[in-house]
Amino acid sequence: MTLARRTILFIAAVVLVLLLGVSGLRPHDRLTWVLEVFPIVVALPILVLTYRRFPLTTLLYALIFVHAVVLMVGGHYTYARVPVGFAIAKAFSLHRNPYDKIGHFAQGFVPAIAARELLVRGRYIRTRGMLAFVVISIVLAISASYELFEWASAMALGQGANEFLGTQGDPWDTQSDMFFALLGGGAALIGLAGYHDRQISRLQGERGGV
């Protein structure tokens, strides 16, 4: 790993921790913030601990950073109240704040690249068609698991989970959330597969093919 890459990743990790702290300052709903940023609290230590043994591509680290910011913003305001979402709704004459759809798009986009990287580097799948099929299946499984987690939270917390669910009165919110995750996964594969392959090759070359 180059010194420049290590330095950039270290700075990014520090910035992420600082942003996490800022997002936790007087959030609209404390419980929602905890639930939304919990994946970051789990993932960041794992990424740090596995960096030497199994570093990821710069592309994947960058996408994880962006996704973390999306989660923190949604956690701070709650997805139904994010200001940029209101601006988008006004610009496109939407009846609801669409920021949660941005979040679910990212929920498909980033895990697609993560799953693809693990499958390619582990040489688990040989053909591109099967690779795409498995990646999309993983994306949908993650999205469905998240929706089940939201349902379980609603059952356990009752009214306290309303801000976390963020359905905004839409009876098809669960289905559209999964659809946007599917769109994100597809967009990641179509738009970044070639660039991702080159980054994987470069990383494996630096690590002697590992």
N, C-alpha and C. Protein backbone atom coordinates (compact mmCIF):
# COMPACT_ATOMS: atom_id res chain seq x y z
N MET A 1 0.84 -1.19 0.00
CA MET A 1 0.00 0.00 0.00
C MET A 1 0.88 1.25 0.00
N THR A 2 0.54 2.21 -0.83
CA THR A 2 1.33 3.42 -0.88
C THR A 2 1.07 4.28 0.35
N LEU A 3 2.07 5.09 0.67
CA LEU A 3 1.93 5.99 1.83
C LEU A 3 0.79 6.97 1.62
N ALA A 4 0.65 7.46 0.38
CA ALA A 4 -0.43 8.42 0.09
C ALA A 4 -1.80 7.80 0.34
N ARG A 5 -1.98 6.55 -0.10
CA ARG A 5 -3.27 5.88 0.12
C ARG A 5 -3.54 5.67 1.60
N ARG A 6 -2.53 5.23 2.34
CA ARG A 6 -2.71 5.02 3.78
C ARG A 6 -3.05 6.32 4.48
N THR A 7 -2.40 7.39 4.06
CA THR A 7 -2.66 8.70 4.68
C THR A 7 -4.08 9.17 4.39
N ILE A 8 -4.51 9.02 3.14
CA ILE A 8 -5.85 9.45 2.76
C ILE A 8 -6.90 8.65 3.52
N LEU A 9 -6.69 7.34 3.63
CA LEU A 9 -7.66 6.49 4.34
C LEU A 9 -7.69 6.82 5.82
N PHE A 10 -6.54 7.13 6.39
CA PHE A 10 -6.50 7.51 7.81
C PHE A 10 -7.27 8.81 8.03
N ILE A 11 -7.04 9.80 7.15
CA ILE A 11 -7.75 11.07 7.26
C ILE A 11 -9.25 10.85 7.10
N ALA A 12 -9.64 10.00 6.13
CA ALA A 12 -11.05 9.72 5.90
C ALA A 12 -11.69 9.09 7.14
N ALA A 13 -10.96 8.18 7.79
CA ALA A 13 -11.49 7.54 8.99
C ALA A 13 -11.70 8.55 10.11
N VAL A 14 -10.73 9.46 10.28
CA VAL A 14 -10.84 10.49 11.31
C VAL A 14 -12.03 11.41 11.01
N VAL A 15 -12.15 11.83 9.75
CA VAL A 15 -13.26 12.69 9.35
C VAL A 15 -14.59 12.00 9.60
N LEU A 16 -14.64 10.70 9.29
CA LEU A 16 -15.87 9.96 9.49
C LEU A 16 -16.27 9.92 10.97
N VAL A 17 -15.31 9.72 11.83
CA VAL A 17 -15.59 9.71 13.27
C VAL A 17 -16.08 11.08 13.73
N LEU A 18 -15.45 12.13 13.22
CA LEU A 18 -15.87 13.49 13.58
C LEU A 18 -17.29 13.77 13.09
N LEU A 19 -17.58 13.37 11.86
CA LEU A 19 -18.93 13.57 11.32
C LEU A 19 -19.96 12.78 12.11
N LEU A 20 -19.56 11.60 12.55
CA LEU A 20 -20.47 10.78 13.37
C LEU A 20 -20.81 11.52 14.66
N GLY A 21 -19.79 12.12 15.27
CA GLY A 21 -20.03 12.89 16.49
C GLY A 21 -20.93 14.08 16.25
N VAL A 22 -20.69 14.79 15.14
CA VAL A 22 -21.52 15.96 14.81
C VAL A 22 -22.96 15.54 14.55
N SER A 23 -23.14 14.42 13.84
CA SER A 23 -24.50 13.96 13.53
C SER A 23 -25.28 13.59 14.79
N GLY A 24 -24.55 13.25 15.85
CA GLY A 24 -25.21 12.88 17.09
C GLY A 24 -25.54 14.04 18.00
N LEU A 25 -25.18 15.26 17.57
CA LEU A 25 -25.49 16.45 18.36
C LEU A 25 -26.94 16.87 18.12
N ARG A 26 -27.77 16.71 19.12
CA ARG A 26 -29.17 17.12 19.07
C ARG A 26 -29.90 16.62 17.82
N PRO A 27 -29.88 15.31 17.57
CA PRO A 27 -30.65 14.79 16.42
C PRO A 27 -32.14 14.96 16.66
N HIS A 28 -32.91 14.91 15.59
CA HIS A 28 -34.36 15.08 15.73
C HIS A 28 -34.96 14.00 16.62
N ASP A 29 -34.48 12.79 16.47
CA ASP A 29 -34.98 11.69 17.29
C ASP A 29 -33.78 10.80 17.64
N ARG A 30 -33.44 10.74 18.92
CA ARG A 30 -32.23 10.04 19.35
C ARG A 30 -32.27 8.56 18.99
N LEU A 31 -33.41 7.91 19.16
CA LEU A 31 -33.50 6.49 18.86
C LEU A 31 -33.28 6.23 17.37
N THR A 32 -33.86 7.07 16.54
CA THR A 32 -33.67 6.92 15.09
C THR A 32 -32.21 7.07 14.72
N TRP A 33 -31.55 8.06 15.33
CA TRP A 33 -30.12 8.27 15.05
C TRP A 33 -29.31 7.02 15.41
N VAL A 34 -29.58 6.46 16.57
CA VAL A 34 -28.85 5.25 17.01
C VAL A 34 -29.05 4.11 16.02
N LEU A 35 -30.29 3.90 15.61
CA LEU A 35 -30.59 2.80 14.69
C LEU A 35 -29.95 3.03 13.32
N GLU A 36 -29.94 4.28 12.86
CA GLU A 36 -29.41 4.56 11.53
C GLU A 36 -27.89 4.49 11.46
N VAL A 37 -27.21 4.93 12.52
CA VAL A 37 -25.74 4.96 12.47
C VAL A 37 -25.12 3.68 13.01
N PHE A 38 -25.93 2.77 13.53
CA PHE A 38 -25.41 1.52 14.08
C PHE A 38 -24.54 0.75 13.08
N PRO A 39 -24.92 0.66 11.79
CA PRO A 39 -24.05 -0.03 10.84
C PRO A 39 -22.66 0.60 10.74
N ILE A 40 -22.57 1.92 10.89
CA ILE A 40 -21.26 2.58 10.84
C ILE A 40 -20.42 2.19 12.05
N VAL A 41 -21.05 2.18 13.20
CA VAL A 41 -20.35 1.84 14.44
C VAL A 41 -19.81 0.41 14.38
N VAL A 42 -20.53 -0.47 13.68
CA VAL A 42 -20.08 -1.85 13.53
C VAL A 42 -19.01 -1.97 12.45
N ALA A 43 -19.24 -1.32 11.31
CA ALA A 43 -18.37 -1.50 10.15
C ALA A 43 -17.00 -0.85 10.29
N LEU A 44 -16.95 0.34 10.89
CA LEU A 44 -15.68 1.07 10.94
C LEU A 44 -14.59 0.30 11.68
N PRO A 45 -14.84 -0.23 12.87
CA PRO A 45 -13.79 -1.01 13.54
C PRO A 45 -13.37 -2.24 12.73
N ILE A 46 -14.33 -2.87 12.04
CA ILE A 46 -13.99 -4.04 11.21
C ILE A 46 -13.06 -3.64 10.08
N LEU A 47 -13.34 -2.51 9.45
CA LEU A 47 -12.50 -2.04 8.34
C LEU A 47 -11.09 -1.72 8.83
N VAL A 48 -11.00 -1.13 10.02
CA VAL A 48 -9.68 -0.81 10.58
C VAL A 48 -8.91 -2.08 10.92
N LEU A 49 -9.58 -3.04 11.55
CA LEU A 49 -8.91 -4.26 11.99
C LEU A 49 -8.49 -5.16 10.83
N THR A 50 -9.20 -5.09 9.71
CA THR A 50 -8.89 -5.96 8.57
C THR A 50 -8.03 -5.27 7.52
N TYR A 51 -7.65 -4.02 7.77
CA TYR A 51 -6.95 -3.25 6.74
C TYR A 51 -5.63 -3.90 6.31
N ARG A 52 -4.84 -4.37 7.24
CA ARG A 52 -3.54 -4.95 6.89
C ARG A 52 -3.69 -6.32 6.23
N ARG A 53 -4.60 -7.12 6.75
CA ARG A 53 -4.74 -8.49 6.24
C ARG A 53 -5.55 -8.54 4.95
N PHE A 54 -6.58 -7.71 4.84
CA PHE A 54 -7.45 -7.74 3.67
C PHE A 54 -7.92 -6.33 3.33
N PRO A 55 -7.03 -5.49 2.82
CA PRO A 55 -7.44 -4.13 2.45
C PRO A 55 -8.38 -4.17 1.25
N LEU A 56 -9.30 -3.23 1.21
CA LEU A 56 -10.25 -3.14 0.11
C LEU A 56 -9.74 -2.17 -0.94
N THR A 57 -10.38 -2.15 -2.09
CA THR A 57 -10.01 -1.19 -3.12
C THR A 57 -10.36 0.22 -2.65
N THR A 58 -9.67 1.18 -3.20
CA THR A 58 -9.94 2.58 -2.86
C THR A 58 -11.38 2.94 -3.24
N LEU A 59 -11.84 2.40 -4.36
CA LEU A 59 -13.21 2.65 -4.79
C LEU A 59 -14.21 2.23 -3.72
N LEU A 60 -14.04 1.04 -3.17
CA LEU A 60 -14.98 0.55 -2.17
C LEU A 60 -14.90 1.36 -0.89
N TYR A 61 -13.70 1.71 -0.47
CA TYR A 61 -13.56 2.56 0.73
C TYR A 61 -14.28 3.89 0.52
N ALA A 62 -14.14 4.47 -0.67
CA ALA A 62 -14.78 5.76 -0.96
C ALA A 62 -16.30 5.62 -0.93
N LEU A 63 -16.82 4.54 -1.50
CA LEU A 63 -18.26 4.34 -1.51
C LEU A 63 -18.80 4.11 -0.10
N ILE A 64 -18.06 3.38 0.70
CA ILE A 64 -18.48 3.16 2.10
C ILE A 64 -18.53 4.49 2.84
N PHE A 65 -17.56 5.36 2.59
CA PHE A 65 -17.54 6.68 3.22
C PHE A 65 -18.80 7.47 2.84
N VAL A 66 -19.12 7.49 1.55
CA VAL A 66 -20.29 8.24 1.08
C VAL A 66 -21.57 7.67 1.68
N HIS A 67 -21.66 6.35 1.71
CA HIS A 67 -22.85 5.70 2.27
C HIS A 67 -22.99 6.04 3.75
N ALA A 68 -21.87 6.08 4.45
CA ALA A 68 -21.91 6.43 5.88
C ALA A 68 -22.44 7.84 6.07
N VAL A 69 -22.05 8.76 5.20
CA VAL A 69 -22.54 10.13 5.29
C VAL A 69 -24.05 10.17 5.05
N VAL A 70 -24.52 9.40 4.07
CA VAL A 70 -25.96 9.32 3.80
C VAL A 70 -26.71 8.84 5.04
N LEU A 71 -26.16 7.81 5.70
CA LEU A 71 -26.80 7.28 6.91
C LEU A 71 -26.80 8.30 8.04
N MET A 72 -25.69 9.02 8.21
CA MET A 72 -25.60 9.98 9.30
C MET A 72 -26.56 11.16 9.10
N VAL A 73 -26.68 11.62 7.87
CA VAL A 73 -27.62 12.72 7.59
C VAL A 73 -29.05 12.25 7.85
N GLY A 74 -29.38 11.05 7.37
CA GLY A 74 -30.71 10.52 7.60
C GLY A 74 -30.98 10.29 9.07
N GLY A 75 -29.95 9.87 9.80
CA GLY A 75 -30.11 9.65 11.23
C GLY A 75 -30.29 10.93 12.01
N HIS A 76 -29.59 11.97 11.60
CA HIS A 76 -29.66 13.25 12.32
C HIS A 76 -31.03 13.91 12.15
N TYR A 77 -31.49 13.99 10.90
CA TYR A 77 -32.75 14.69 10.63
C TYR A 77 -33.98 13.77 10.70
N THR A 78 -33.78 12.47 10.54
CA THR A 78 -34.74 11.43 10.16
C THR A 78 -34.97 11.60 8.65
N TYR A 79 -35.18 10.49 7.96
CA TYR A 79 -35.23 10.52 6.50
C TYR A 79 -36.37 11.37 5.96
N ALA A 80 -37.45 11.47 6.69
CA ALA A 80 -38.59 12.26 6.21
C ALA A 80 -38.38 13.75 6.36
N ARG A 81 -37.28 14.17 7.04
CA ARG A 81 -37.08 15.60 7.31
C ARG A 81 -35.75 16.14 6.81
N VAL A 82 -35.02 15.40 6.01
CA VAL A 82 -33.73 15.88 5.51
C VAL A 82 -33.98 17.06 4.56
N PRO A 83 -33.35 18.22 4.81
CA PRO A 83 -33.62 19.42 3.99
C PRO A 83 -33.42 19.23 2.50
N VAL A 84 -32.35 18.55 2.09
CA VAL A 84 -32.12 18.37 0.66
C VAL A 84 -33.23 17.55 0.02
N GLY A 85 -33.85 16.68 0.80
CA GLY A 85 -34.97 15.91 0.29
C GLY A 85 -36.17 16.79 -0.02
N PHE A 86 -36.42 17.78 0.83
CA PHE A 86 -37.51 18.72 0.56
C PHE A 86 -37.23 19.53 -0.71
N ALA A 87 -35.96 19.89 -0.91
CA ALA A 87 -35.60 20.65 -2.11
C ALA A 87 -35.84 19.81 -3.37
N ILE A 88 -35.48 18.52 -3.30
CA ILE A 88 -35.70 17.62 -4.43
C ILE A 88 -37.20 17.45 -4.68
N ALA A 89 -37.96 17.28 -3.60
CA ALA A 89 -39.41 17.11 -3.73
C ALA A 89 -40.04 18.32 -4.39
N LYS A 90 -39.58 19.50 -4.01
CA LYS A 90 -40.13 20.73 -4.59
C LYS A 90 -39.76 20.85 -6.06
N ALA A 91 -38.52 20.52 -6.38
CA ALA A 91 -38.04 20.64 -7.76
C ALA A 91 -38.78 19.70 -8.71
N PHE A 92 -39.14 18.52 -8.23
CA PHE A 92 -39.78 17.52 -9.09
C PHE A 92 -41.26 17.30 -8.76
N SER A 93 -41.82 18.20 -7.94
CA SER A 93 -43.24 18.14 -7.57
C SER A 93 -43.63 16.78 -6.99
N LEU A 94 -42.81 16.30 -6.07
CA LEU A 94 -43.08 15.02 -5.42
C LEU A 94 -43.95 15.23 -4.20
N HIS A 95 -44.72 14.23 -3.83
CA HIS A 95 -45.65 14.38 -2.71
C HIS A 95 -45.00 14.02 -1.37
N ARG A 96 -43.74 13.56 -1.39
CA ARG A 96 -43.07 13.17 -0.16
C ARG A 96 -41.57 13.45 -0.27
N ASN A 97 -40.91 13.49 0.87
CA ASN A 97 -39.46 13.67 0.91
C ASN A 97 -38.80 12.39 0.39
N PRO A 98 -38.01 12.47 -0.69
CA PRO A 98 -37.46 11.25 -1.31
C PRO A 98 -36.08 10.85 -0.78
N TYR A 99 -35.62 11.48 0.29
CA TYR A 99 -34.26 11.19 0.75
C TYR A 99 -34.09 9.72 1.12
N ASP A 100 -35.15 9.09 1.65
CA ASP A 100 -35.02 7.68 2.02
C ASP A 100 -34.77 6.81 0.79
N LYS A 101 -35.25 7.24 -0.37
CA LYS A 101 -34.99 6.47 -1.59
C LYS A 101 -33.53 6.62 -2.01
N ILE A 102 -32.95 7.77 -1.74
CA ILE A 102 -31.52 7.94 -1.97
C ILE A 102 -30.75 6.97 -1.07
N GLY A 103 -31.20 6.86 0.17
CA GLY A 103 -30.56 5.95 1.11
C GLY A 103 -30.66 4.50 0.65
N HIS A 104 -31.82 4.11 0.14
CA HIS A 104 -31.99 2.72 -0.30
C HIS A 104 -31.28 2.46 -1.62
N PHE A 105 -31.16 3.47 -2.47
CA PHE A 105 -30.35 3.34 -3.67
C PHE A 105 -28.90 3.05 -3.27
N ALA A 106 -28.40 3.81 -2.29
CA ALA A 106 -27.05 3.57 -1.79
C ALA A 106 -26.93 2.21 -1.13
N GLN A 107 -28.02 1.77 -0.50
CA GLN A 107 -28.03 0.46 0.16
C GLN A 107 -27.88 -0.67 -0.86
N GLY A 108 -28.22 -0.40 -2.11
CA GLY A 108 -27.98 -1.37 -3.17
C GLY A 108 -26.66 -1.15 -3.86
N PHE A 109 -26.31 0.11 -4.11
CA PHE A 109 -25.12 0.46 -4.87
C PHE A 109 -23.84 0.01 -4.15
N VAL A 110 -23.70 0.38 -2.89
CA VAL A 110 -22.46 0.09 -2.17
C VAL A 110 -22.29 -1.40 -1.86
N PRO A 111 -23.31 -2.08 -1.31
CA PRO A 111 -23.16 -3.52 -1.09
C PRO A 111 -22.90 -4.31 -2.38
N ALA A 112 -23.38 -3.81 -3.52
CA ALA A 112 -23.11 -4.50 -4.78
C ALA A 112 -21.61 -4.53 -5.07
N ILE A 113 -20.94 -3.40 -4.87
CA ILE A 113 -19.50 -3.35 -5.11
C ILE A 113 -18.77 -4.16 -4.05
N ALA A 114 -19.26 -4.10 -2.80
CA ALA A 114 -18.62 -4.88 -1.73
C ALA A 114 -18.73 -6.37 -2.01
N ALA A 115 -19.93 -6.83 -2.37
CA ALA A 115 -20.13 -8.25 -2.66
C ALA A 115 -19.30 -8.67 -3.88
N ARG A 116 -19.29 -7.81 -4.89
CA ARG A 116 -18.53 -8.11 -6.10
C ARG A 116 -17.05 -8.26 -5.79
N GLU A 117 -16.54 -7.38 -4.95
CA GLU A 117 -15.11 -7.43 -4.62
C GLU A 117 -14.75 -8.72 -3.89
N LEU A 118 -15.56 -9.10 -2.94
CA LEU A 118 -15.29 -10.33 -2.19
C LEU A 118 -15.38 -11.56 -3.10
N LEU A 119 -16.36 -11.59 -3.99
CA LEU A 119 -16.53 -12.72 -4.87
C LEU A 119 -15.41 -12.81 -5.91
N VAL A 120 -15.01 -11.67 -6.46
CA VAL A 120 -13.95 -11.67 -7.48
C VAL A 120 -12.61 -12.01 -6.85
N ARG A 121 -12.28 -11.37 -5.76
CA ARG A 121 -10.98 -11.61 -5.14
C ARG A 121 -10.88 -13.01 -4.55
N GLY A 122 -11.99 -13.57 -4.12
CA GLY A 122 -11.98 -14.94 -3.60
C GLY A 122 -12.07 -16.00 -4.69
N ARG A 123 -12.27 -15.54 -5.94
CA ARG A 123 -12.38 -16.44 -7.09
C ARG A 123 -13.50 -17.48 -6.89
N TYR A 124 -14.59 -17.02 -6.29
CA TYR A 124 -15.71 -17.93 -6.04
C TYR A 124 -16.55 -18.16 -7.29
N ILE A 125 -16.56 -17.17 -8.19
CA ILE A 125 -17.40 -17.26 -9.39
C ILE A 125 -16.55 -16.90 -10.60
N ARG A 126 -16.69 -17.67 -11.67
CA ARG A 126 -15.84 -17.50 -12.84
C ARG A 126 -16.48 -16.66 -13.94
N THR A 127 -17.78 -16.78 -14.14
CA THR A 127 -18.41 -16.11 -15.28
C THR A 127 -19.05 -14.79 -14.86
N ARG A 128 -19.04 -13.83 -15.75
CA ARG A 128 -19.58 -12.50 -15.45
C ARG A 128 -21.09 -12.55 -15.23
N GLY A 129 -21.78 -13.36 -16.02
CA GLY A 129 -23.23 -13.44 -15.87
C GLY A 129 -23.64 -13.96 -14.51
N MET A 130 -22.98 -15.03 -14.06
CA MET A 130 -23.30 -15.57 -12.74
C MET A 130 -22.87 -14.61 -11.64
N LEU A 131 -21.76 -13.91 -11.86
CA LEU A 131 -21.30 -12.92 -10.87
C LEU A 131 -22.35 -11.84 -10.68
N ALA A 132 -22.88 -11.33 -11.79
CA ALA A 132 -23.91 -10.29 -11.70
C ALA A 132 -25.15 -10.82 -11.00
N PHE A 133 -25.56 -12.04 -11.34
CA PHE A 133 -26.75 -12.63 -10.73
C PHE A 133 -26.58 -12.77 -9.21
N VAL A 134 -25.44 -13.28 -8.78
CA VAL A 134 -25.21 -13.49 -7.35
C VAL A 134 -25.13 -12.16 -6.62
N VAL A 135 -24.46 -11.18 -7.21
CA VAL A 135 -24.35 -9.86 -6.58
C VAL A 135 -25.73 -9.25 -6.38
N ILE A 136 -26.55 -9.27 -7.42
CA ILE A 136 -27.90 -8.71 -7.31
C ILE A 136 -28.72 -9.48 -6.27
N SER A 137 -28.54 -10.79 -6.21
CA SER A 137 -29.25 -11.59 -5.21
C SER A 137 -28.84 -11.18 -3.81
N ILE A 138 -27.55 -10.93 -3.61
CA ILE A 138 -27.05 -10.49 -2.31
C ILE A 138 -27.62 -9.12 -1.95
N VAL A 139 -27.65 -8.22 -2.93
CA VAL A 139 -28.20 -6.88 -2.70
C VAL A 139 -29.66 -6.97 -2.24
N LEU A 140 -30.44 -7.79 -2.93
CA LEU A 140 -31.85 -7.92 -2.56
C LEU A 140 -32.01 -8.60 -1.21
N ALA A 141 -31.12 -9.54 -0.90
CA ALA A 141 -31.17 -10.19 0.41
C ALA A 141 -30.88 -9.20 1.52
N ILE A 142 -29.89 -8.32 1.30
CA ILE A 142 -29.56 -7.30 2.29
C ILE A 142 -30.73 -6.34 2.47
N SER A 143 -31.33 -5.92 1.34
CA SER A 143 -32.46 -5.00 1.41
C SER A 143 -33.64 -5.63 2.14
N ALA A 144 -33.93 -6.89 1.82
CA ALA A 144 -35.04 -7.58 2.49
C ALA A 144 -34.76 -7.74 3.98
N SER A 145 -33.51 -8.04 4.32
CA SER A 145 -33.15 -8.19 5.74
C SER A 145 -33.34 -6.89 6.49
N TYR A 146 -33.00 -5.77 5.83
CA TYR A 146 -33.17 -4.47 6.46
C TYR A 146 -34.65 -4.16 6.69
N GLU A 147 -35.48 -4.51 5.69
CA GLU A 147 -36.91 -4.29 5.85
C GLU A 147 -37.47 -5.15 6.98
N LEU A 148 -36.97 -6.36 7.13
CA LEU A 148 -37.40 -7.21 8.24
C LEU A 148 -36.95 -6.63 9.58
N PHE A 149 -35.75 -6.02 9.58
CA PHE A 149 -35.27 -5.36 10.79
C PHE A 149 -36.17 -4.18 11.15
N GLU A 150 -36.58 -3.41 10.14
CA GLU A 150 -37.50 -2.30 10.39
C GLU A 150 -38.82 -2.81 10.95
N TRP A 151 -39.33 -3.90 10.38
CA TRP A 151 -40.59 -4.49 10.87
C TRP A 151 -40.45 -4.95 12.32
N ALA A 152 -39.32 -5.62 12.62
CA ALA A 152 -39.10 -6.08 13.99
C ALA A 152 -39.00 -4.90 14.95
N SER A 153 -38.36 -3.81 14.50
CA SER A 153 -38.24 -2.61 15.34
C SER A 153 -39.62 -2.01 15.60
N ALA A 154 -40.45 -1.99 14.57
CA ALA A 154 -41.80 -1.44 14.74
C ALA A 154 -42.60 -2.28 15.72
N MET A 155 -42.45 -3.59 15.64
CA MET A 155 -43.18 -4.47 16.56
C MET A 155 -42.69 -4.30 17.99
N ALA A 156 -41.38 -4.11 18.15
CA ALA A 156 -40.82 -4.02 19.49
C ALA A 156 -41.00 -2.64 20.12
N LEU A 157 -40.92 -1.60 19.30
CA LEU A 157 -40.92 -0.23 19.83
C LEU A 157 -42.25 0.49 19.66
N GLY A 158 -43.14 -0.04 18.84
CA GLY A 158 -44.43 0.60 18.64
C GLY A 158 -44.27 1.97 18.02
N GLN A 159 -44.90 2.98 18.61
CA GLN A 159 -44.86 4.35 18.08
C GLN A 159 -43.45 4.89 18.03
N GLY A 160 -42.58 4.38 18.88
CA GLY A 160 -41.21 4.86 18.91
C GLY A 160 -40.43 4.58 17.64
N ALA A 161 -40.93 3.67 16.81
CA ALA A 161 -40.23 3.31 15.58
C ALA A 161 -40.72 4.09 14.37
N ASN A 162 -41.70 4.97 14.53
CA ASN A 162 -42.28 5.67 13.39
C ASN A 162 -41.25 6.48 12.62
N GLU A 163 -40.40 7.19 13.35
CA GLU A 163 -39.38 8.01 12.67
C GLU A 163 -38.38 7.13 11.94
N PHE A 164 -38.06 5.98 12.51
CA PHE A 164 -37.11 5.06 11.88
C PHE A 164 -37.70 4.45 10.62
N LEU A 165 -38.97 4.10 10.66
CA LEU A 165 -39.62 3.51 9.49
C LEU A 165 -39.72 4.52 8.35
N GLY A 166 -40.13 5.73 8.65
CA GLY A 166 -40.16 6.80 7.65
C GLY A 166 -41.02 6.50 6.43
N THR A 167 -42.15 5.82 6.62
CA THR A 167 -42.97 5.46 5.46
C THR A 167 -43.70 6.65 4.86
N GLN A 168 -43.90 7.70 5.64
CA GLN A 168 -44.57 8.92 5.19
C GLN A 168 -45.95 8.61 4.58
N GLY A 169 -46.62 7.62 5.15
CA GLY A 169 -47.97 7.28 4.69
C GLY A 169 -48.04 6.47 3.41
N ASP A 170 -46.91 6.02 2.90
CA ASP A 170 -46.89 5.26 1.66
C ASP A 170 -47.07 3.76 1.95
N PRO A 171 -48.19 3.15 1.50
CA PRO A 171 -48.43 1.73 1.79
C PRO A 171 -47.46 0.81 1.05
N TRP A 172 -46.80 1.34 0.00
CA TRP A 172 -45.86 0.53 -0.79
C TRP A 172 -44.41 0.91 -0.49
N ASP A 173 -44.18 1.49 0.67
CA ASP A 173 -42.83 1.96 0.99
C ASP A 173 -41.82 0.82 1.01
N THR A 174 -42.17 -0.31 1.60
CA THR A 174 -41.25 -1.44 1.67
C THR A 174 -40.85 -1.92 0.28
N GLN A 175 -41.85 -2.07 -0.59
CA GLN A 175 -41.57 -2.56 -1.93
C GLN A 175 -40.72 -1.57 -2.73
N SER A 176 -41.02 -0.27 -2.60
CA SER A 176 -40.24 0.72 -3.33
C SER A 176 -38.83 0.84 -2.78
N ASP A 177 -38.67 0.63 -1.47
CA ASP A 177 -37.32 0.63 -0.89
C ASP A 177 -36.46 -0.46 -1.53
N MET A 178 -37.03 -1.65 -1.65
CA MET A 178 -36.30 -2.76 -2.25
C MET A 178 -36.04 -2.53 -3.73
N PHE A 179 -37.00 -1.89 -4.40
CA PHE A 179 -36.81 -1.58 -5.82
C PHE A 179 -35.65 -0.60 -6.02
N PHE A 180 -35.55 0.40 -5.15
CA PHE A 180 -34.46 1.37 -5.27
C PHE A 180 -33.12 0.71 -4.94
N ALA A 181 -33.11 -0.23 -4.02
CA ALA A 181 -31.88 -0.99 -3.75
C ALA A 181 -31.48 -1.79 -4.98
N LEU A 182 -32.47 -2.38 -5.65
CA LEU A 182 -32.21 -3.12 -6.89
C LEU A 182 -31.64 -2.19 -7.97
N LEU A 183 -32.24 -1.01 -8.09
CA LEU A 183 -31.71 -0.03 -9.05
C LEU A 183 -30.27 0.34 -8.73
N GLY A 184 -29.99 0.54 -7.44
CA GLY A 184 -28.63 0.89 -7.04
C GLY A 184 -27.64 -0.21 -7.36
N GLY A 185 -28.02 -1.45 -7.07
CA GLY A 185 -27.14 -2.56 -7.38
C GLY A 185 -26.88 -2.70 -8.87
N GLY A 186 -27.94 -2.56 -9.66
CA GLY A 186 -27.78 -2.64 -11.11
C GLY A 186 -26.91 -1.51 -11.65
N ALA A 187 -27.12 -0.30 -11.14
CA ALA A 187 -26.33 0.84 -11.59
C ALA A 187 -24.86 0.66 -11.26
N ALA A 188 -24.57 0.10 -10.09
CA ALA A 188 -23.18 -0.14 -9.70
C ALA A 188 -22.50 -1.12 -10.64
N LEU A 189 -23.20 -2.19 -10.98
CA LEU A 189 -22.62 -3.20 -11.87
C LEU A 189 -22.43 -2.66 -13.28
N ILE A 190 -23.41 -1.92 -13.76
CA ILE A 190 -23.33 -1.39 -15.13
C ILE A 190 -22.28 -0.29 -15.23
N GLY A 191 -22.24 0.59 -14.23
CA GLY A 191 -21.38 1.76 -14.32
C GLY A 191 -19.95 1.58 -13.84
N LEU A 192 -19.72 0.63 -12.92
CA LEU A 192 -18.41 0.58 -12.28
C LEU A 192 -17.67 -0.75 -12.41
N ALA A 193 -18.26 -1.74 -13.07
CA ALA A 193 -17.64 -3.07 -13.12
C ALA A 193 -16.23 -3.02 -13.71
N GLY A 194 -16.07 -2.36 -14.85
CA GLY A 194 -14.76 -2.29 -15.49
C GLY A 194 -13.73 -1.58 -14.63
N TYR A 195 -14.11 -0.43 -14.09
CA TYR A 195 -13.20 0.33 -13.24
C TYR A 195 -12.87 -0.46 -11.98
N HIS A 196 -13.86 -1.15 -11.43
CA HIS A 196 -13.65 -1.96 -10.23
C HIS A 196 -12.66 -3.09 -10.52
N ASP A 197 -12.78 -3.73 -11.67
CA ASP A 197 -11.85 -4.80 -12.05
C ASP A 197 -10.42 -4.28 -12.09
N ARG A 198 -10.24 -3.10 -12.65
CA ARG A 198 -8.89 -2.54 -12.74
C ARG A 198 -8.33 -2.24 -11.35
N GLN A 199 -9.17 -1.75 -10.46
CA GLN A 199 -8.71 -1.48 -9.10
C GLN A 199 -8.36 -2.77 -8.36
N ILE A 200 -9.15 -3.80 -8.57
CA ILE A 200 -8.85 -5.09 -7.95
C ILE A 200 -7.52 -5.64 -8.47
N SER A 201 -7.31 -5.55 -9.78
CA SER A 201 -6.06 -6.03 -10.37
C SER A 201 -4.86 -5.27 -9.82
N ARG A 202 -5.01 -3.96 -9.68
CA ARG A 202 -3.92 -3.14 -9.15
C ARG A 202 -3.63 -3.50 -7.70
N LEU A 203 -4.68 -3.68 -6.92
CA LEU A 203 -4.52 -4.02 -5.51
C LEU A 203 -3.87 -5.40 -5.36
N GLN A 204 -4.30 -6.37 -6.14
CA GLN A 204 -3.74 -7.70 -6.07
C GLN A 204 -2.28 -7.70 -6.54
N GLY A 205 -1.96 -6.86 -7.51
CA GLY A 205 -0.58 -6.74 -7.96
C GLY A 205 0.31 -6.20 -6.86
N GLU A 206 -0.17 -5.21 -6.13
CA GLU A 206 0.60 -4.64 -5.03
C GLU A 206 0.81 -5.64 -3.91
N ARG A 207 -0.16 -6.56 -3.74
CA ARG A 207 -0.09 -7.54 -2.66
C ARG A 207 0.39 -8.90 -3.14
N GLY A 208 0.93 -8.95 -4.35
CA GLY A 208 1.48 -10.20 -4.86
C GLY A 208 0.43 -11.22 -5.22
N GLY A 209 -0.74 -10.72 -5.72
CA GLY A 209 -1.78 -11.62 -6.18
C GLY A 209 -2.74 -12.08 -5.12
N VAL A 210 -2.58 -11.61 -3.88
CA VAL A 210 -3.46 -12.03 -2.81
C VAL A 210 -4.83 -11.36 -2.94
